[in-house]
């Protein structure tokens, strides 16, 4: 008989993560739903080095002791074997001695070794049902560092297959993974795509302003030799030195006609294109407007002008059809990176117009803000499409020193508030890009750095068309320090990087006030989907994602985001979606497609798909 919690009468269920629970949002959501929607008492067994939002009173967390640090000093194979033994002992002592008898055990996979076998043993001992939630395959992650043909990788694959078949039920994150599990391993799995929680939504301008004020110390800390963002944030006024500067007087907030005289083309009085240093690998990636044609995005007049001005515009980019791969610069072209791209059919299906505006972007005051676009994006019907103009308007600029903000103006890098007024989007503000990562080997952030360098070169020549960029990268992981060092070595004038680990409540706010998301996840198996893109779309944020075999289950190219395979393609997508910012029609239409499309929050999907699986498994143990 299964014991029940003495205070609530709820049946105990375990949620097991052989990783950091604070960095496992899907399992946090499972724990919350098991407690609130299934009425179960949840016991989480995981590492707890990172804080998280406490989901429910009925969720109790049991912390695993982390493996000793000295294991990393041993030869790799010996270290892995000893680590598995230590983890197995820690799991067994908790599951057999200290935790209450469960009705169901839900395990995140990967990791797989040794936790799959230990969980099966605990289920046999307690007469409980084992449910596996397949996020990816552990052996494919091992193969990225050890090689796919390594004997230990082959043993790991056999381990996952053997124990995976012995689970009472399985969930998986994509249809492609469901097919793989069924055809190769004979495992029947239920597809449960990730969904953002209901509190993920677009932010109001006031919320955006409050968050950016809170993050002001982050913006004020320079990362580059000529960090445009730090100087402005430290002085508590927005960036200056170009058409995206905050003018000193109210009269200067007006749009003026474009002045093409040489001293107006750049805040330093000359076109700096020839002075901008670049590596040969990056220069060879820059290409013209053919990428837009291949992905079904019509080049604009500005695209053609930018392409004509690119010194390498006539260099043909790599083929990006599925299976052939493409090479992108990494570290100045030293390391070629192979990655799969969207198939021609999936890209072609989005070559059509993604739809006209269905209603005004100005929602009612009491309307759910997730179904409203960000206020700073403007209204398509009223702003027009700056990207389709032969020459877009240019903002007034000051050339005699840096313009300062009025003394009574509370300003951030993107917003401002005058006394007695509500928050406004600052004229000429930089675009805010967000990327979330675990800083692991399956995400090549050199692509992001190279794309930023390419965009910076283009912005130096076309600052009146292209906004400056602030790119915030959130997350923790083993490669963070390495990439931070590379970021500091970039001499960028109009792009600024920032890295941060945000409080749980601030992460959805940041996504909700950003202008564009970037995901560099490259699945080790080609069968999983990045949760970070789910979060972005849940906040109404269009996403730029690396193309691979099943990513089109989440990102529809040209509809709710764009796909890329190289740094040059990513930089070109930025240029196309941000020219004329914040009134770029293509970016606005993507945001509108997300906000007006079908909405399925985590709670609704879990109730329909996962809850029946859990109840059936629990019922089988009660018989």
Foldseek 3Di string as FASTA:
>chain_A
DFDADPPQRAAEEEEEEAEAPQPVVVSVLVQLCCCPVVVHQYEYEYAHPDDHDDRDPSYHYDHFDQDDPCLVVDPDVVSVVVNLVVVLVSLQCCLVPPDGQGQEYEYEDPVVRPVLVSVVVSCVVSLHAYEYEYQAHNLLVVCVPVNCPDPVSVVSVVSCLVSQQVGPAYEYAFPLVQVVCCPPRNHHHHHDHAAAFLVQAADELQLVLVLLVVCLVLQLDAQAPQRQRNVQSVVQHAGAWALLAFAADPVLQDFDADDPPQQNQGLVRHQCLVVQDDFPQLLLLAEADVLCVQLLHDAALVRRVLLVVRPNHVRDADDQAAPPFHFAAFPRNPDTDGAHFYHSVLSVVQNDALDDDPDWLDDDPPDDRRLHAHVQLDTCVPPPAQRRDNHHITGDHDNPDHHGYPPQWRDGQFWIDHPPGGIDGRGSHAAEEEEEDQQDPQFRCSLVVSLQSVLQSSCSRHVRFFGFYEYEYEHHYDCPVVVSVVSSHDNGNRYGYGYYHDHNVCVSNSLSHGLAYEYRGGRSRLGREDVVLSSNLSHLHAYEYEGGDRHCVPHRDLAQYHYDHYSNSVSVVSSQQGTVPSHHVSSVRNSNSSSPDDHDHPSNSCSVGVSVVVVVSSVVSVD
